[in-house]
N, C-alpha and C. Protein backbone atom coordinates (compact mmCIF):
# COMPACT_ATOMS: atom_id res chain seq x y z
N UNK A 1 0.82 -1.16 0.00
CA UNK A 1 0.00 0.00 0.00
C UNK A 1 0.87 1.24 0.00
N UNK A 2 1.47 1.48 -1.07
CA UNK A 2 2.35 2.62 -1.24
C UNK A 2 1.56 3.70 -1.93
N UNK A 3 1.74 4.91 -1.42
CA UNK A 3 1.03 6.04 -2.04
C UNK A 3 1.59 6.28 -3.41
N UNK A 4 0.71 6.75 -4.26
CA UNK A 4 1.08 7.02 -5.62
C UNK A 4 2.13 8.13 -5.71
N UNK A 5 3.15 7.93 -6.52
CA UNK A 5 4.18 8.94 -6.71
C UNK A 5 5.29 8.88 -5.67
N UNK A 6 5.16 8.00 -4.71
CA UNK A 6 6.17 7.89 -3.67
C UNK A 6 7.17 6.84 -4.07
N UNK A 7 8.40 7.23 -4.20
CA UNK A 7 9.46 6.30 -4.58
C UNK A 7 10.49 6.27 -3.45
N UNK A 8 11.00 5.11 -3.17
CA UNK A 8 12.06 5.01 -2.17
C UNK A 8 13.06 3.97 -2.61
N UNK A 9 14.10 3.83 -1.86
CA UNK A 9 15.14 2.89 -2.19
C UNK A 9 16.43 3.63 -2.48
N UNK A 10 17.45 2.86 -2.77
CA UNK A 10 18.76 3.44 -2.97
C UNK A 10 18.82 4.29 -4.23
N UNK A 11 18.21 3.82 -5.29
CA UNK A 11 18.27 4.56 -6.55
C UNK A 11 17.26 5.69 -6.61
N UNK A 12 16.27 5.63 -5.78
CA UNK A 12 15.25 6.67 -5.74
C UNK A 12 15.14 7.20 -4.32
N UNK A 13 16.00 8.13 -3.93
CA UNK A 13 15.98 8.62 -2.56
C UNK A 13 14.70 9.40 -2.29
N UNK A 14 14.35 9.46 -0.99
CA UNK A 14 13.15 10.18 -0.59
C UNK A 14 13.29 11.66 -0.89
N UNK A 15 14.46 12.19 -0.67
CA UNK A 15 14.69 13.61 -0.93
C UNK A 15 15.76 13.71 -2.02
N UNK A 16 15.38 14.04 -3.23
CA UNK A 16 16.37 14.08 -4.32
C UNK A 16 17.43 15.15 -4.12
N UNK A 17 17.20 16.12 -3.25
CA UNK A 17 18.20 17.15 -3.01
C UNK A 17 19.39 16.62 -2.22
N UNK A 18 19.20 15.49 -1.53
CA UNK A 18 20.28 14.91 -0.74
C UNK A 18 21.11 13.91 -1.52
N UNK A 19 20.73 13.62 -2.73
CA UNK A 19 21.46 12.65 -3.55
C UNK A 19 22.87 13.17 -3.78
N UNK A 20 23.85 12.40 -3.39
CA UNK A 20 25.24 12.81 -3.57
C UNK A 20 25.63 13.95 -2.67
N UNK A 21 24.99 14.06 -1.51
CA UNK A 21 25.27 15.18 -0.61
C UNK A 21 26.71 15.14 -0.12
N UNK A 22 27.23 13.95 0.12
CA UNK A 22 28.60 13.83 0.60
C UNK A 22 29.58 14.31 -0.45
N UNK A 23 29.42 13.87 -1.66
CA UNK A 23 30.35 14.26 -2.71
C UNK A 23 30.24 15.74 -3.03
N UNK A 24 29.02 16.27 -3.04
CA UNK A 24 28.88 17.68 -3.42
C UNK A 24 29.32 18.60 -2.30
N UNK A 25 29.19 18.17 -1.03
CA UNK A 25 29.61 19.05 0.07
C UNK A 25 31.12 19.16 0.13
N UNK A 26 31.83 18.13 -0.28
CA UNK A 26 33.29 18.17 -0.26
C UNK A 26 33.89 18.62 -1.57
N UNK A 27 33.11 18.80 -2.56
CA UNK A 27 33.64 19.24 -3.84
C UNK A 27 33.89 18.09 -4.79
N UNK A 28 33.48 16.90 -4.46
CA UNK A 28 33.62 15.79 -5.37
C UNK A 28 34.81 14.91 -5.05
N UNK A 29 35.01 13.96 -5.94
CA UNK A 29 36.07 12.97 -5.76
C UNK A 29 37.46 13.60 -5.84
N UNK A 30 37.63 14.57 -6.72
CA UNK A 30 38.92 15.25 -6.86
C UNK A 30 39.28 15.97 -5.56
N UNK A 31 38.30 16.61 -4.95
CA UNK A 31 38.56 17.30 -3.68
C UNK A 31 38.91 16.30 -2.58
N UNK A 32 38.24 15.15 -2.57
CA UNK A 32 38.57 14.12 -1.60
C UNK A 32 40.00 13.62 -1.80
N UNK A 33 40.39 13.41 -3.04
CA UNK A 33 41.74 12.97 -3.35
C UNK A 33 42.76 14.03 -2.95
N UNK A 34 42.47 15.30 -3.26
CA UNK A 34 43.37 16.39 -2.87
C UNK A 34 43.51 16.47 -1.35
N UNK A 35 42.39 16.26 -0.66
CA UNK A 35 42.43 16.27 0.80
C UNK A 35 43.29 15.11 1.32
N UNK A 36 43.15 13.95 0.71
CA UNK A 36 43.97 12.79 1.09
C UNK A 36 45.45 13.07 0.87
N UNK A 37 45.78 13.64 -0.27
CA UNK A 37 47.18 13.94 -0.58
C UNK A 37 47.74 14.97 0.41
N UNK A 38 46.98 16.00 0.71
CA UNK A 38 47.47 17.02 1.64
C UNK A 38 47.62 16.45 3.05
N UNK A 39 46.71 15.56 3.45
CA UNK A 39 46.82 14.92 4.75
C UNK A 39 48.05 14.02 4.82
N UNK A 40 48.28 13.25 3.76
CA UNK A 40 49.46 12.39 3.72
C UNK A 40 50.75 13.20 3.73
N UNK A 41 50.75 14.29 3.00
CA UNK A 41 51.93 15.16 2.95
C UNK A 41 52.22 15.73 4.34
N UNK A 42 51.18 16.19 5.03
CA UNK A 42 51.36 16.73 6.37
C UNK A 42 51.86 15.65 7.33
N UNK A 43 51.33 14.45 7.20
CA UNK A 43 51.75 13.34 8.06
C UNK A 43 53.22 12.99 7.82
N UNK A 44 53.61 12.92 6.56
CA UNK A 44 55.00 12.58 6.24
C UNK A 44 55.94 13.67 6.76
N UNK A 45 55.56 14.93 6.62
CA UNK A 45 56.39 16.01 7.15
C UNK A 45 56.52 15.89 8.67
N UNK A 46 55.40 15.59 9.33
CA UNK A 46 55.41 15.49 10.78
C UNK A 46 56.28 14.33 11.25
N UNK A 47 56.20 13.21 10.56
CA UNK A 47 56.90 12.01 11.02
C UNK A 47 58.33 11.91 10.52
N UNK A 48 58.74 12.73 9.56
CA UNK A 48 60.12 12.66 9.08
C UNK A 48 60.91 13.92 9.39
N UNK A 49 60.36 15.07 9.09
CA UNK A 49 61.13 16.30 9.28
C UNK A 49 61.33 16.63 10.75
N UNK A 50 60.33 16.38 11.58
CA UNK A 50 60.47 16.64 13.01
C UNK A 50 61.59 15.82 13.63
N UNK A 51 61.58 14.49 13.44
CA UNK A 51 62.69 13.69 13.99
C UNK A 51 64.05 14.03 13.38
N UNK A 52 64.08 14.39 12.11
CA UNK A 52 65.36 14.76 11.49
C UNK A 52 65.90 16.03 12.11
N UNK A 53 65.01 16.99 12.38
CA UNK A 53 65.46 18.22 13.06
C UNK A 53 65.98 17.91 14.45
N UNK A 54 65.27 17.03 15.16
CA UNK A 54 65.73 16.62 16.49
C UNK A 54 67.08 15.93 16.42
N UNK A 55 67.26 15.09 15.42
CA UNK A 55 68.53 14.41 15.24
C UNK A 55 69.63 15.42 14.92
N UNK A 56 69.31 16.43 14.12
CA UNK A 56 70.28 17.47 13.80
C UNK A 56 70.74 18.21 15.05
N UNK A 57 69.79 18.55 15.93
CA UNK A 57 70.16 19.22 17.19
C UNK A 57 71.02 18.29 18.05
N UNK A 58 70.64 17.03 18.11
CA UNK A 58 71.39 16.05 18.89
C UNK A 58 72.82 15.95 18.39
N UNK A 59 72.98 15.83 17.06
CA UNK A 59 74.32 15.74 16.48
C UNK A 59 75.10 17.04 16.67
N UNK A 60 74.42 18.17 16.53
CA UNK A 60 75.10 19.46 16.69
C UNK A 60 75.66 19.63 18.09
N UNK A 61 74.84 19.34 19.10
CA UNK A 61 75.32 19.45 20.48
C UNK A 61 76.39 18.40 20.77
N UNK A 62 76.25 17.22 20.19
CA UNK A 62 77.26 16.18 20.38
C UNK A 62 78.60 16.58 19.80
N UNK A 63 78.57 17.14 18.59
CA UNK A 63 79.83 17.58 17.97
C UNK A 63 80.45 18.75 18.73
N UNK A 64 79.62 19.66 19.21
CA UNK A 64 80.14 20.79 19.99
C UNK A 64 80.78 20.29 21.29
N UNK A 65 80.13 19.34 21.95
CA UNK A 65 80.70 18.77 23.17
C UNK A 65 81.99 18.02 22.90
N UNK A 66 82.02 17.29 21.79
CA UNK A 66 83.23 16.57 21.42
C UNK A 66 84.39 17.53 21.16
N UNK A 67 84.10 18.62 20.47
CA UNK A 67 85.14 19.61 20.20
C UNK A 67 85.66 20.22 21.50
N UNK A 68 84.75 20.51 22.43
CA UNK A 68 85.18 21.08 23.72
C UNK A 68 86.06 20.09 24.49
N UNK A 69 85.68 18.82 24.50
CA UNK A 69 86.50 17.83 25.19
C UNK A 69 87.85 17.66 24.51
N UNK A 70 87.90 17.74 23.19
CA UNK A 70 89.17 17.60 22.48
C UNK A 70 90.11 18.76 22.82
N UNK A 71 89.57 19.97 22.84
CA UNK A 71 90.40 21.14 23.19
C UNK A 71 90.87 21.02 24.64
N UNK A 72 89.98 20.57 25.52
CA UNK A 72 90.35 20.41 26.93
C UNK A 72 91.46 19.37 27.09
N UNK A 73 91.38 18.29 26.32
CA UNK A 73 92.42 17.27 26.42
C UNK A 73 93.76 17.80 25.93
N UNK A 74 93.74 18.56 24.85
CA UNK A 74 95.00 19.13 24.34
C UNK A 74 95.63 20.03 25.39
N UNK A 75 94.83 20.90 26.01
CA UNK A 75 95.38 21.79 27.03
C UNK A 75 95.84 21.02 28.26
N UNK A 76 95.13 19.96 28.61
CA UNK A 76 95.54 19.15 29.76
C UNK A 76 96.89 18.48 29.50
N UNK A 77 97.06 17.92 28.32
CA UNK A 77 98.33 17.25 27.99
C UNK A 77 99.46 18.27 27.91
N UNK A 78 99.20 19.40 27.27
CA UNK A 78 100.24 20.44 27.22
C UNK A 78 100.61 20.93 28.61
N UNK A 79 99.62 21.05 29.48
CA UNK A 79 99.89 21.47 30.86
C UNK A 79 100.73 20.46 31.61
N UNK A 80 100.41 19.19 31.45
CA UNK A 80 101.20 18.14 32.14
C UNK A 80 102.64 18.16 31.65
N UNK A 81 102.82 18.22 30.33
CA UNK A 81 104.18 18.23 29.78
C UNK A 81 104.94 19.47 30.25
N UNK A 82 104.30 20.62 30.21
CA UNK A 82 104.97 21.87 30.58
C UNK A 82 105.33 21.90 32.06
N UNK A 83 104.42 21.42 32.90
CA UNK A 83 104.71 21.40 34.34
C UNK A 83 105.90 20.50 34.64
N UNK A 84 105.93 19.33 34.01
CA UNK A 84 107.05 18.41 34.28
C UNK A 84 108.36 18.93 33.70
N UNK A 85 108.30 19.68 32.63
CA UNK A 85 109.53 20.22 32.04
C UNK A 85 110.08 21.39 32.84
N UNK A 86 109.21 22.20 33.40
CA UNK A 86 109.68 23.45 34.01
C UNK A 86 109.92 23.37 35.51
N UNK A 87 109.29 22.44 36.20
CA UNK A 87 109.42 22.45 37.66
C UNK A 87 110.60 21.62 38.17
N UNK A 88 110.99 20.61 37.47
CA UNK A 88 112.08 19.75 37.94
C UNK A 88 113.26 19.82 36.98
N UNK A 89 114.42 19.81 37.56
CA UNK A 89 115.61 19.71 36.71
C UNK A 89 115.97 18.24 36.49
N UNK A 90 115.18 17.34 37.11
CA UNK A 90 115.42 15.91 36.98
C UNK A 90 115.17 15.45 35.55
N UNK A 91 114.16 16.05 34.90
CA UNK A 91 113.75 15.58 33.58
C UNK A 91 114.51 16.29 32.46
N UNK A 92 115.77 16.59 32.69
CA UNK A 92 116.61 17.16 31.65
C UNK A 92 117.70 16.17 31.32
N UNK A 93 118.27 16.31 30.17
CA UNK A 93 119.33 15.39 29.78
C UNK A 93 118.76 14.08 29.28
N UNK A 94 119.24 12.97 29.89
CA UNK A 94 118.81 11.64 29.44
C UNK A 94 117.34 11.34 29.75
N UNK A 95 116.74 12.03 30.70
CA UNK A 95 115.34 11.78 31.07
C UNK A 95 114.40 12.83 30.46
N UNK A 96 114.81 13.47 29.41
CA UNK A 96 113.98 14.50 28.76
C UNK A 96 112.72 13.96 28.12
N UNK A 97 112.67 12.65 27.91
CA UNK A 97 111.49 12.05 27.28
C UNK A 97 110.35 11.81 28.28
N UNK A 98 110.64 11.84 29.57
CA UNK A 98 109.64 11.48 30.59
C UNK A 98 108.42 12.41 30.58
N UNK A 99 108.57 13.73 30.44
CA UNK A 99 107.37 14.57 30.38
C UNK A 99 106.47 14.22 29.19
N UNK A 100 107.09 13.86 28.07
CA UNK A 100 106.29 13.48 26.90
C UNK A 100 105.60 12.14 27.13
N UNK A 101 106.28 11.25 27.83
CA UNK A 101 105.67 9.97 28.19
C UNK A 101 104.49 10.18 29.14
N UNK A 102 104.65 11.12 30.07
CA UNK A 102 103.55 11.44 30.99
C UNK A 102 102.38 12.07 30.22
N UNK A 103 102.69 12.90 29.24
CA UNK A 103 101.63 13.48 28.40
C UNK A 103 100.89 12.40 27.62
N UNK A 104 101.64 11.44 27.10
CA UNK A 104 101.02 10.32 26.38
C UNK A 104 100.15 9.50 27.33
N UNK A 105 100.64 9.26 28.54
CA UNK A 105 99.86 8.51 29.53
C UNK A 105 98.58 9.26 29.89
N UNK A 106 98.65 10.58 29.94
CA UNK A 106 97.45 11.38 30.19
C UNK A 106 96.44 11.21 29.07
N UNK A 107 96.93 11.21 27.82
CA UNK A 107 96.03 10.98 26.67
C UNK A 107 95.37 9.62 26.76
N UNK A 108 96.16 8.59 27.07
CA UNK A 108 95.62 7.23 27.16
C UNK A 108 94.58 7.15 28.28
N UNK A 109 94.85 7.79 29.41
CA UNK A 109 93.90 7.77 30.52
C UNK A 109 92.60 8.48 30.14
N UNK A 110 92.71 9.60 29.47
CA UNK A 110 91.53 10.37 29.06
C UNK A 110 90.69 9.57 28.06
N UNK A 111 91.33 8.94 27.10
CA UNK A 111 90.61 8.14 26.09
C UNK A 111 90.00 6.90 26.75
N UNK A 112 90.72 6.27 27.67
CA UNK A 112 90.18 5.10 28.37
C UNK A 112 88.95 5.47 29.19
N UNK A 113 89.01 6.60 29.86
CA UNK A 113 87.86 7.07 30.64
C UNK A 113 86.66 7.32 29.74
N UNK A 114 86.90 7.92 28.58
CA UNK A 114 85.81 8.18 27.63
C UNK A 114 85.19 6.89 27.14
N UNK A 115 86.01 5.91 26.79
CA UNK A 115 85.49 4.62 26.31
C UNK A 115 84.71 3.92 27.42
N UNK A 116 85.22 3.98 28.65
CA UNK A 116 84.52 3.36 29.77
C UNK A 116 83.13 3.97 29.96
N UNK A 117 83.05 5.28 29.91
CA UNK A 117 81.76 5.96 30.08
C UNK A 117 80.80 5.61 28.95
N UNK A 118 81.31 5.55 27.72
CA UNK A 118 80.45 5.19 26.59
C UNK A 118 79.92 3.77 26.70
N UNK A 119 80.76 2.83 27.11
CA UNK A 119 80.31 1.44 27.26
C UNK A 119 79.30 1.31 28.39
N UNK A 120 79.52 2.02 29.47
CA UNK A 120 78.57 1.98 30.59
C UNK A 120 77.22 2.55 30.15
N UNK A 121 77.24 3.61 29.36
CA UNK A 121 76.01 4.22 28.87
C UNK A 121 75.28 3.27 27.92
N UNK A 122 76.02 2.54 27.08
CA UNK A 122 75.40 1.58 26.17
C UNK A 122 74.75 0.44 26.94
N UNK A 123 75.39 -0.04 28.00
CA UNK A 123 74.80 -1.11 28.81
C UNK A 123 73.53 -0.62 29.49
N UNK A 124 73.54 0.61 29.96
CA UNK A 124 72.36 1.16 30.63
C UNK A 124 71.20 1.27 29.66
N UNK A 125 71.46 1.71 28.43
CA UNK A 125 70.40 1.84 27.43
C UNK A 125 69.93 0.47 26.93
N UNK A 126 70.80 -0.52 26.95
CA UNK A 126 70.41 -1.86 26.51
C UNK A 126 69.45 -2.50 27.50
N UNK A 127 69.55 -2.15 28.78
CA UNK A 127 68.68 -2.72 29.80
C UNK A 127 67.30 -2.07 29.83
N UNK A 128 67.12 -0.97 29.17
CA UNK A 128 65.82 -0.27 29.19
C UNK A 128 64.83 -0.93 28.29
């Protein structure tokens, strides 16, 4: 008992003005595709450029710290050699190599300490 002129169903919507309302409100399939592309582009920028910038800052501060430690080590070794050369007359003549040996030992100690700290840090991060 359907009233005359009343059509319903998927192909005959009750309100013909709503047919394709989703597509027409967004501007159609092309607009949906453009929206998808812009969303993907924003996502890729967020997930790649942000971490790369963070990595750049991490590397920058790491290199700056490394340079500072290298300069400090050079001054430390020069200081050790100079102190041993100027304060004692013992290290003159046949024992003139001893201050340089002490400077080399200072370098080895500094490098060993650095390697020890790096290995300890790696073990700590491996346990997390």
